[in-house]
Amino acid sequence: MSENRIAVAAVIVETKDSIDELNAVLHEYGNYIIGRMGIPNTSKGVSVISIALDAPSDEINALVGKIGKIDGISAKTVYSN
């Protein structure tokens, strides 16, 4: 088993219809999520979500990969050293 890393996933939600699918994925990986902050920008029609994670790299990559496959949502990850 690989060592846990701290990371932040930045998620941009442009399609509100995809929120239920996003929440299902986040629930699936909930044991790795140490914090989550959502900022709606109604004037632009998007929401920005930052997700702090403490997990093995493989799990972080799997989570962000699943999020990135959801229609109308994009995600990128930044890792600690």
PDB file of N, CA and C in Angstrom:
ATOM      1  N   MET A   1       0.854  -1.183   0.000  1.00  0.00           N
ATOM      2  CA  MET A   1       0.000   0.000   0.000  1.00  0.00           C
ATOM      3  C   MET A   1       0.893   1.239   0.000  1.00  0.00           C
ATOM      4  N   SER A   2       0.541   2.233  -0.818  1.00  0.00           N
ATOM      5  CA  SER A   2       1.358   3.426  -0.915  1.00  0.00           C
ATOM      6  C   SER A   2       1.031   4.405   0.205  1.00  0.00           C
ATOM      7  N   GLU A   3       1.975   5.275   0.458  1.00  0.00           N
ATOM      8  CA  GLU A   3       1.847   6.268   1.517  1.00  0.00           C
ATOM      9  C   GLU A   3       0.845   7.358   1.120  1.00  0.00           C
ATOM     10  N   ASN A   4       0.108   7.841   2.096  1.00  0.00           N
ATOM     11  CA  ASN A   4      -0.853   8.916   1.834  1.00  0.00           C
ATOM     12  C   ASN A   4      -0.140  10.221   1.528  1.00  0.00           C
ATOM     13  N   ARG A   5      -0.779  11.022   0.693  1.00  0.00           N
ATOM     14  CA  ARG A   5      -0.296  12.352   0.354  1.00  0.00           C
ATOM     15  C   ARG A   5      -1.414  13.348   0.585  1.00  0.00           C
ATOM     16  N   ILE A   6      -1.039  14.581   0.803  1.00  0.00           N
ATOM     17  CA  ILE A   6      -1.997  15.665   0.923  1.00  0.00           C
ATOM     18  C   ILE A   6      -2.127  16.300  -0.462  1.00  0.00           C
ATOM     19  N   ALA A   7      -3.335  16.551  -0.881  1.00  0.00           N
ATOM     20  CA  ALA A   7      -3.578  17.158  -2.184  1.00  0.00           C
ATOM     21  C   ALA A   7      -4.836  18.008  -2.117  1.00  0.00           C
ATOM     22  N   VAL A   8      -4.955  18.903  -3.081  1.00  0.00           N
ATOM     23  CA  VAL A   8      -6.174  19.701  -3.249  1.00  0.00           C
ATOM     24  C   VAL A   8      -6.655  19.513  -4.680  1.00  0.00           C
ATOM     25  N   ALA A   9      -7.906  19.137  -4.813  1.00  0.00           N
ATOM     26  CA  ALA A   9      -8.530  19.024  -6.130  1.00  0.00           C
ATOM     27  C   ALA A   9      -9.369  20.274  -6.356  1.00  0.00           C
ATOM     28  N   ALA A  10      -9.114  20.945  -7.459  1.00  0.00           N
ATOM     29  CA  ALA A  10      -9.905  22.117  -7.852  1.00  0.00           C
ATOM     30  C   ALA A  10     -10.924  21.651  -8.879  1.00  0.00           C
ATOM     31  N   VAL A  11     -12.190  21.901  -8.600  1.00  0.00           N
ATOM     32  CA  VAL A  11     -13.274  21.425  -9.457  1.00  0.00           C
ATOM     33  C   VAL A  11     -14.100  22.620  -9.921  1.00  0.00           C
ATOM     34  N   ILE A  12     -14.352  22.689 -11.221  1.00  0.00           N
ATOM     35  CA  ILE A  12     -15.215  23.721 -11.805  1.00  0.00           C
ATOM     36  C   ILE A  12     -16.476  23.029 -12.315  1.00  0.00           C
ATOM     37  N   VAL A  13     -17.622  23.460 -11.815  1.00  0.00           N
ATOM     38  CA  VAL A  13     -18.906  22.892 -12.220  1.00  0.00           C
ATOM     39  C   VAL A  13     -19.607  23.903 -13.128  1.00  0.00           C
ATOM     40  N   GLU A  14     -19.819  23.501 -14.382  1.00  0.00           N
ATOM     41  CA  GLU A  14     -20.480  24.386 -15.345  1.00  0.00           C
ATOM     42  C   GLU A  14     -21.877  23.893 -15.723  1.00  0.00           C
ATOM     43  N   THR A  15     -22.215  22.672 -15.297  1.00  0.00           N
ATOM     44  CA  THR A  15     -23.512  22.085 -15.609  1.00  0.00           C
ATOM     45  C   THR A  15     -24.162  21.610 -14.313  1.00  0.00           C
ATOM     46  N   LYS A  16     -25.193  22.313 -13.879  1.00  0.00           N
ATOM     47  CA  LYS A  16     -25.842  21.958 -12.609  1.00  0.00           C
ATOM     48  C   LYS A  16     -26.470  20.567 -12.634  1.00  0.00           C
ATOM     49  N   ASP A  17     -26.819  20.080 -13.816  1.00  0.00           N
ATOM     50  CA  ASP A  17     -27.408  18.748 -13.930  1.00  0.00           C
ATOM     51  C   ASP A  17     -26.435  17.649 -13.514  1.00  0.00           C
ATOM     52  N   SER A  18     -25.149  17.961 -13.420  1.00  0.00           N
ATOM     53  CA  SER A  18     -24.132  16.962 -13.089  1.00  0.00           C
ATOM     54  C   SER A  18     -23.804  16.908 -11.599  1.00  0.00           C
ATOM     55  N   ILE A  19     -24.421  17.751 -10.805  1.00  0.00           N
ATOM     56  CA  ILE A  19     -24.071  17.845  -9.387  1.00  0.00           C
ATOM     57  C   ILE A  19     -24.369  16.557  -8.627  1.00  0.00           C
ATOM     58  N   ASP A  20     -25.483  15.895  -8.923  1.00  0.00           N
ATOM     59  CA  ASP A  20     -25.801  14.648  -8.227  1.00  0.00           C
ATOM     60  C   ASP A  20     -24.736  13.577  -8.490  1.00  0.00           C
ATOM     61  N   GLU A  21     -24.280  13.491  -9.733  1.00  0.00           N
ATOM     62  CA  GLU A  21     -23.235  12.522 -10.076  1.00  0.00           C
ATOM     63  C   GLU A  21     -21.922  12.883  -9.375  1.00  0.00           C
ATOM     64  N   LEU A  22     -21.586  14.164  -9.321  1.00  0.00           N
ATOM     65  CA  LEU A  22     -20.387  14.609  -8.618  1.00  0.00           C
ATOM     66  C   LEU A  22     -20.469  14.246  -7.143  1.00  0.00           C
ATOM     67  N   ASN A  23     -21.593  14.524  -6.512  1.00  0.00           N
ATOM     68  CA  ASN A  23     -21.753  14.212  -5.088  1.00  0.00           C
ATOM     69  C   ASN A  23     -21.658  12.716  -4.821  1.00  0.00           C
ATOM     70  N   ALA A  24     -22.143  11.891  -5.741  1.00  0.00           N
ATOM     71  CA  ALA A  24     -22.031  10.439  -5.581  1.00  0.00           C
ATOM     72  C   ALA A  24     -20.569  10.002  -5.592  1.00  0.00           C
ATOM     73  N   VAL A  25     -19.775  10.576  -6.487  1.00  0.00           N
ATOM     74  CA  VAL A  25     -18.342  10.244  -6.547  1.00  0.00           C
ATOM     75  C   VAL A  25     -17.646  10.717  -5.278  1.00  0.00           C
ATOM     76  N   LEU A  26     -17.957  11.927  -4.833  1.00  0.00           N
ATOM     77  CA  LEU A  26     -17.332  12.437  -3.610  1.00  0.00           C
ATOM     78  C   LEU A  26     -17.704  11.581  -2.404  1.00  0.00           C
ATOM     79  N   HIS A  27     -18.934  11.116  -2.355  1.00  0.00           N
ATOM     80  CA  HIS A  27     -19.357  10.234  -1.263  1.00  0.00           C
ATOM     81  C   HIS A  27     -18.563   8.930  -1.280  1.00  0.00           C
ATOM     82  N   GLU A  28     -18.322   8.406  -2.465  1.00  0.00           N
ATOM     83  CA  GLU A  28     -17.558   7.163  -2.620  1.00  0.00           C
ATOM     84  C   GLU A  28     -16.149   7.296  -2.032  1.00  0.00           C
ATOM     85  N   TYR A  29     -15.551   8.483  -2.123  1.00  0.00           N
ATOM     86  CA  TYR A  29     -14.195   8.724  -1.635  1.00  0.00           C
ATOM     87  C   TYR A  29     -14.187   9.548  -0.345  1.00  0.00           C
ATOM     88  N   GLY A  30     -15.310   9.597   0.328  1.00  0.00           N
ATOM     89  CA  GLY A  30     -15.474  10.442   1.507  1.00  0.00           C
ATOM     90  C   GLY A  30     -14.483  10.199   2.618  1.00  0.00           C
ATOM     91  N   ASN A  31     -14.000   8.969   2.760  1.00  0.00           N
ATOM     92  CA  ASN A  31     -13.048   8.674   3.837  1.00  0.00           C
ATOM     93  C   ASN A  31     -11.688   9.327   3.603  1.00  0.00           C
ATOM     94  N   TYR A  32     -11.419   9.824   2.394  1.00  0.00           N
ATOM     95  CA  TYR A  32     -10.161  10.506   2.084  1.00  0.00           C
ATOM     96  C   TYR A  32     -10.292  12.026   2.103  1.00  0.00           C
ATOM     97  N   ILE A  33     -11.510  12.541   2.148  1.00  0.00           N
ATOM     98  CA  ILE A  33     -11.738  13.984   2.080  1.00  0.00           C
ATOM     99  C   ILE A  33     -11.606  14.570   3.484  1.00  0.00           C
ATOM    100  N   ILE A  34     -10.686  15.531   3.634  1.00  0.00           N
ATOM    101  CA  ILE A  34     -10.484  16.169   4.940  1.00  0.00           C
ATOM    102  C   ILE A  34     -11.117  17.557   4.995  1.00  0.00           C
ATOM    103  N   GLY A  35     -11.542  18.072   3.858  1.00  0.00           N
ATOM    104  CA  GLY A  35     -12.220  19.366   3.826  1.00  0.00           C
ATOM    105  C   GLY A  35     -12.750  19.661   2.432  1.00  0.00           C
ATOM    106  N   ARG A  36     -13.783  20.472   2.394  1.00  0.00           N
ATOM    107  CA  ARG A  36     -14.410  20.800   1.106  1.00  0.00           C
ATOM    108  C   ARG A  36     -15.014  22.189   1.214  1.00  0.00           C
ATOM    109  N   MET A  37     -14.780  23.010   0.190  1.00  0.00           N
ATOM    110  CA  MET A  37     -15.350  24.347   0.167  1.00  0.00           C
ATOM    111  C   MET A  37     -15.924  24.608  -1.221  1.00  0.00           C
ATOM    112  N   GLY A  38     -17.168  25.027  -1.265  1.00  0.00           N
ATOM    113  CA  GLY A  38     -17.811  25.341  -2.532  1.00  0.00           C
ATOM    114  C   GLY A  38     -18.149  26.815  -2.613  1.00  0.00           C
ATOM    115  N   ILE A  39     -17.873  27.397  -3.773  1.00  0.00           N
ATOM    116  CA  ILE A  39     -18.152  28.812  -3.987  1.00  0.00           C
ATOM    117  C   ILE A  39     -18.979  28.945  -5.262  1.00  0.00           C
ATOM    118  N   PRO A  40     -20.263  29.263  -5.132  1.00  0.00           N
ATOM    119  CA  PRO A  40     -21.074  29.471  -6.337  1.00  0.00           C
ATOM    120  C   PRO A  40     -20.819  30.859  -6.909  1.00  0.00           C
ATOM    121  N   ASN A  41     -20.719  30.939  -8.216  1.00  0.00           N
ATOM    122  CA  ASN A  41     -20.608  32.228  -8.887  1.00  0.00           C
ATOM    123  C   ASN A  41     -21.796  32.318  -9.837  1.00  0.00           C
ATOM    124  N   THR A  42     -22.910  32.749  -9.286  1.00  0.00           N
ATOM    125  CA  THR A  42     -24.157  32.755 -10.054  1.00  0.00           C
ATOM    126  C   THR A  42     -24.110  33.705 -11.242  1.00  0.00           C
ATOM    127  N   SER A  43     -23.338  34.767 -11.152  1.00  0.00           N
ATOM    128  CA  SER A  43     -23.269  35.706 -12.276  1.00  0.00           C
ATOM    129  C   SER A  43     -22.594  35.078 -13.492  1.00  0.00           C
ATOM    130  N   LYS A  44     -21.713  34.114 -13.272  1.00  0.00           N
ATOM    131  CA  LYS A  44     -21.027  33.415 -14.368  1.00  0.00           C
ATOM    132  C   LYS A  44     -21.652  32.043 -14.650  1.00  0.00           C
ATOM    133  N   GLY A  45     -22.541  31.593 -13.774  1.00  0.00           N
ATOM    134  CA  GLY A  45     -23.187  30.298 -13.974  1.00  0.00           C
ATOM    135  C   GLY A  45     -22.296  29.106 -13.694  1.00  0.00           C
ATOM    136  N   VAL A  46     -21.277  29.297 -12.845  1.00  0.00           N
ATOM    137  CA  VAL A  46     -20.379  28.200 -12.487  1.00  0.00           C
ATOM    138  C   VAL A  46     -20.223  28.139 -10.971  1.00  0.00           C
ATOM    139  N   SER A  47     -19.741  27.006 -10.505  1.00  0.00           N
ATOM    140  CA  SER A  47     -19.364  26.854  -9.101  1.00  0.00           C
ATOM    141  C   SER A  47     -17.936  26.345  -9.051  1.00  0.00           C
ATOM    142  N   VAL A  48     -17.199  26.795  -8.044  1.00  0.00           N
ATOM    143  CA  VAL A  48     -15.829  26.355  -7.824  1.00  0.00           C
ATOM    144  C   VAL A  48     -15.816  25.588  -6.517  1.00  0.00           C
ATOM    145  N   ILE A  49     -15.247  24.385  -6.550  1.00  0.00           N
ATOM    146  CA  ILE A  49     -15.158  23.551  -5.352  1.00  0.00           C
ATOM    147  C   ILE A  49     -13.706  23.175  -5.142  1.00  0.00           C
ATOM    148  N   SER A  50     -13.209  23.371  -3.919  1.00  0.00           N
ATOM    149  CA  SER A  50     -11.878  22.874  -3.581  1.00  0.00           C
ATOM    150  C   SER A  50     -12.052  21.737  -2.588  1.00  0.00           C
ATOM    151  N   ILE A  51     -11.330  20.655  -2.829  1.00  0.00           N
ATOM    152  CA  ILE A  51     -11.447  19.459  -2.004  1.00  0.00           C
ATOM    153  C   ILE A  51     -10.066  19.098  -1.484  1.00  0.00           C
ATOM    154  N   ALA A  52      -9.877  19.170  -0.170  1.00  0.00           N
ATOM    155  CA  ALA A  52      -8.616  18.781   0.458  1.00  0.00           C
ATOM    156  C   ALA A  52      -8.654  17.283   0.730  1.00  0.00           C
ATOM    157  N   LEU A  53      -7.579  16.600   0.342  1.00  0.00           N
ATOM    158  CA  LEU A  53      -7.527  15.137   0.431  1.00  0.00           C
ATOM    159  C   LEU A  53      -6.296  14.659   1.189  1.00  0.00           C
ATOM    160  N   ASP A  54      -6.435  13.559   1.880  1.00  0.00           N
ATOM    161  CA  ASP A  54      -5.334  12.839   2.516  1.00  0.00           C
ATOM    162  C   ASP A  54      -5.523  11.386   2.106  1.00  0.00           C
ATOM    163  N   ALA A  55      -4.776  10.960   1.073  1.00  0.00           N
ATOM    164  CA  ALA A  55      -5.030   9.649   0.465  1.00  0.00           C
ATOM    165  C   ALA A  55      -3.807   9.191  -0.318  1.00  0.00           C
ATOM    166  N   PRO A  56      -3.747   7.899  -0.635  1.00  0.00           N
ATOM    167  CA  PRO A  56      -2.705   7.423  -1.545  1.00  0.00           C
ATOM    168  C   PRO A  56      -2.878   8.079  -2.921  1.00  0.00           C
ATOM    169  N   SER A  57      -1.775   8.303  -3.610  1.00  0.00           N
ATOM    170  CA  SER A  57      -1.805   8.953  -4.930  1.00  0.00           C
ATOM    171  C   SER A  57      -2.758   8.253  -5.885  1.00  0.00           C
ATOM    172  N   ASP A  58      -2.781   6.930  -5.861  1.00  0.00           N
ATOM    173  CA  ASP A  58      -3.667   6.180  -6.761  1.00  0.00           C
ATOM    174  C   ASP A  58      -5.133   6.522  -6.521  1.00  0.00           C
ATOM    175  N   GLU A  59      -5.504   6.675  -5.263  1.00  0.00           N
ATOM    176  CA  GLU A  59      -6.901   7.002  -4.933  1.00  0.00           C
ATOM    177  C   GLU A  59      -7.236   8.434  -5.344  1.00  0.00           C
ATOM    178  N   ILE A  60      -6.300   9.348  -5.143  1.00  0.00           N
ATOM    179  CA  ILE A  60      -6.519  10.734  -5.558  1.00  0.00           C
ATOM    180  C   ILE A  60      -6.692  10.798  -7.068  1.00  0.00           C
ATOM    181  N   ASN A  61      -5.813  10.117  -7.793  1.00  0.00           N
ATOM    182  CA  ASN A  61      -5.903  10.104  -9.254  1.00  0.00           C
ATOM    183  C   ASN A  61      -7.214   9.491  -9.730  1.00  0.00           C
ATOM    184  N   ALA A  62      -7.659   8.416  -9.066  1.00  0.00           N
ATOM    185  CA  ALA A  62      -8.918   7.772  -9.441  1.00  0.00           C
ATOM    186  C   ALA A  62     -10.090   8.714  -9.204  1.00  0.00           C
ATOM    187  N   LEU A  63     -10.103   9.385  -8.059  1.00  0.00           N
ATOM    188  CA  LEU A  63     -11.178  10.320  -7.739  1.00  0.00           C
ATOM    189  C   LEU A  63     -11.243  11.448  -8.765  1.00  0.00           C
ATOM    190  N   VAL A  64     -10.116  12.085  -9.019  1.00  0.00           N
ATOM    191  CA  VAL A  64     -10.100  13.222  -9.941  1.00  0.00           C
ATOM    192  C   VAL A  64     -10.401  12.767 -11.367  1.00  0.00           C
ATOM    193  N   GLY A  65      -9.959  11.569 -11.727  1.00  0.00           N
ATOM    194  CA  GLY A  65     -10.282  11.025 -13.042  1.00  0.00           C
ATOM    195  C   GLY A  65     -11.772  10.817 -13.220  1.00  0.00           C
ATOM    196  N   LYS A  66     -12.422  10.276 -12.180  1.00  0.00           N
ATOM    197  CA  LYS A  66     -13.877  10.072 -12.253  1.00  0.00           C
ATOM    198  C   LYS A  66     -14.613  11.404 -12.329  1.00  0.00           C
ATOM    199  N   ILE A  67     -14.155  12.378 -11.554  1.00  0.00           N
ATOM    200  CA  ILE A  67     -14.790  13.698 -11.587  1.00  0.00           C
ATOM    201  C   ILE A  67     -14.641  14.315 -12.976  1.00  0.00           C
ATOM    202  N   GLY A  68     -13.455  14.195 -13.554  1.00  0.00           N
ATOM    203  CA  GLY A  68     -13.185  14.785 -14.862  1.00  0.00           C
ATOM    204  C   GLY A  68     -13.989  14.183 -15.995  1.00  0.00           C
ATOM    205  N   LYS A  69     -14.513  12.966 -15.794  1.00  0.00           N
ATOM    206  CA  LYS A  69     -15.325  12.312 -16.830  1.00  0.00           C
ATOM    207  C   LYS A  69     -16.794  12.722 -16.781  1.00  0.00           C
ATOM    208  N   ILE A  70     -17.175  13.455 -15.743  1.00  0.00           N
ATOM    209  CA  ILE A  70     -18.572  13.887 -15.614  1.00  0.00           C
ATOM    210  C   ILE A  70     -18.798  15.076 -16.543  1.00  0.00           C
ATOM    211  N   ASP A  71     -19.893  15.019 -17.300  1.00  0.00           N
ATOM    212  CA  ASP A  71     -20.246  16.097 -18.236  1.00  0.00           C
ATOM    213  C   ASP A  71     -20.347  17.442 -17.531  1.00  0.00           C
ATOM    214  N   GLY A  72     -19.696  18.460 -18.080  1.00  0.00           N
ATOM    215  CA  GLY A  72     -19.829  19.813 -17.557  1.00  0.00           C
ATOM    216  C   GLY A  72     -19.003  20.102 -16.327  1.00  0.00           C
ATOM    217  N   ILE A  73     -18.082  19.192 -15.988  1.00  0.00           N
ATOM    218  CA  ILE A  73     -17.238  19.376 -14.807  1.00  0.00           C
ATOM    219  C   ILE A  73     -15.788  19.131 -15.206  1.00  0.00           C
ATOM    220  N   SER A  74     -14.904  19.981 -14.717  1.00  0.00           N
ATOM    221  CA  SER A  74     -13.475  19.762 -14.941  1.00  0.00           C
ATOM    222  C   SER A  74     -12.760  19.802 -13.601  1.00  0.00           C
ATOM    223  N   ALA A  75     -11.618  19.102 -13.515  1.00  0.00           N
ATOM    224  CA  ALA A  75     -10.890  19.002 -12.249  1.00  0.00           C
ATOM    225  C   ALA A  75      -9.395  18.893 -12.502  1.00  0.00           C
ATOM    226  N   LYS A  76      -8.635  19.484 -11.601  1.00  0.00           N
ATOM    227  CA  LYS A  76      -7.179  19.392 -11.595  1.00  0.00           C
ATOM    228  C   LYS A  76      -6.724  19.212 -10.152  1.00  0.00           C
ATOM    229  N   THR A  77      -5.528  18.646  -9.989  1.00  0.00           N
ATOM    230  CA  THR A  77      -5.027  18.343  -8.667  1.00  0.00           C
ATOM    231  C   THR A  77      -3.652  18.974  -8.442  1.00  0.00           C
ATOM    232  N   VAL A  78      -3.446  19.432  -7.208  1.00  0.00           N
ATOM    233  CA  VAL A  78      -2.140  19.912  -6.769  1.00  0.00           C
ATOM    234  C   VAL A  78      -1.740  19.064  -5.557  1.00  0.00           C
ATOM    235  N   TYR A  79      -0.525  18.515  -5.602  1.00  0.00           N
ATOM    236  CA  TYR A  79      -0.025  17.651  -4.530  1.00  0.00           C
ATOM    237  C   TYR A  79       0.987  18.374  -3.646  1.00  0.00           C
ATOM    238  N   SER A  80       1.041  17.969  -2.375  1.00  0.00           N
ATOM    239  CA  SER A  80       2.109  18.430  -1.506  1.00  0.00           C
ATOM    240  C   SER A  80       3.389  17.674  -1.856  1.00  0.00           C
ATOM    241  N   ASN A  81       4.509  18.189  -1.401  1.00  0.00           N
ATOM    242  CA  ASN A  81       5.794  17.505  -1.661  1.00  0.00           C
ATOM    243  C   ASN A  81       5.967  16.262  -0.847  1.00  0.00           C
TER     244      ASN A  81
END
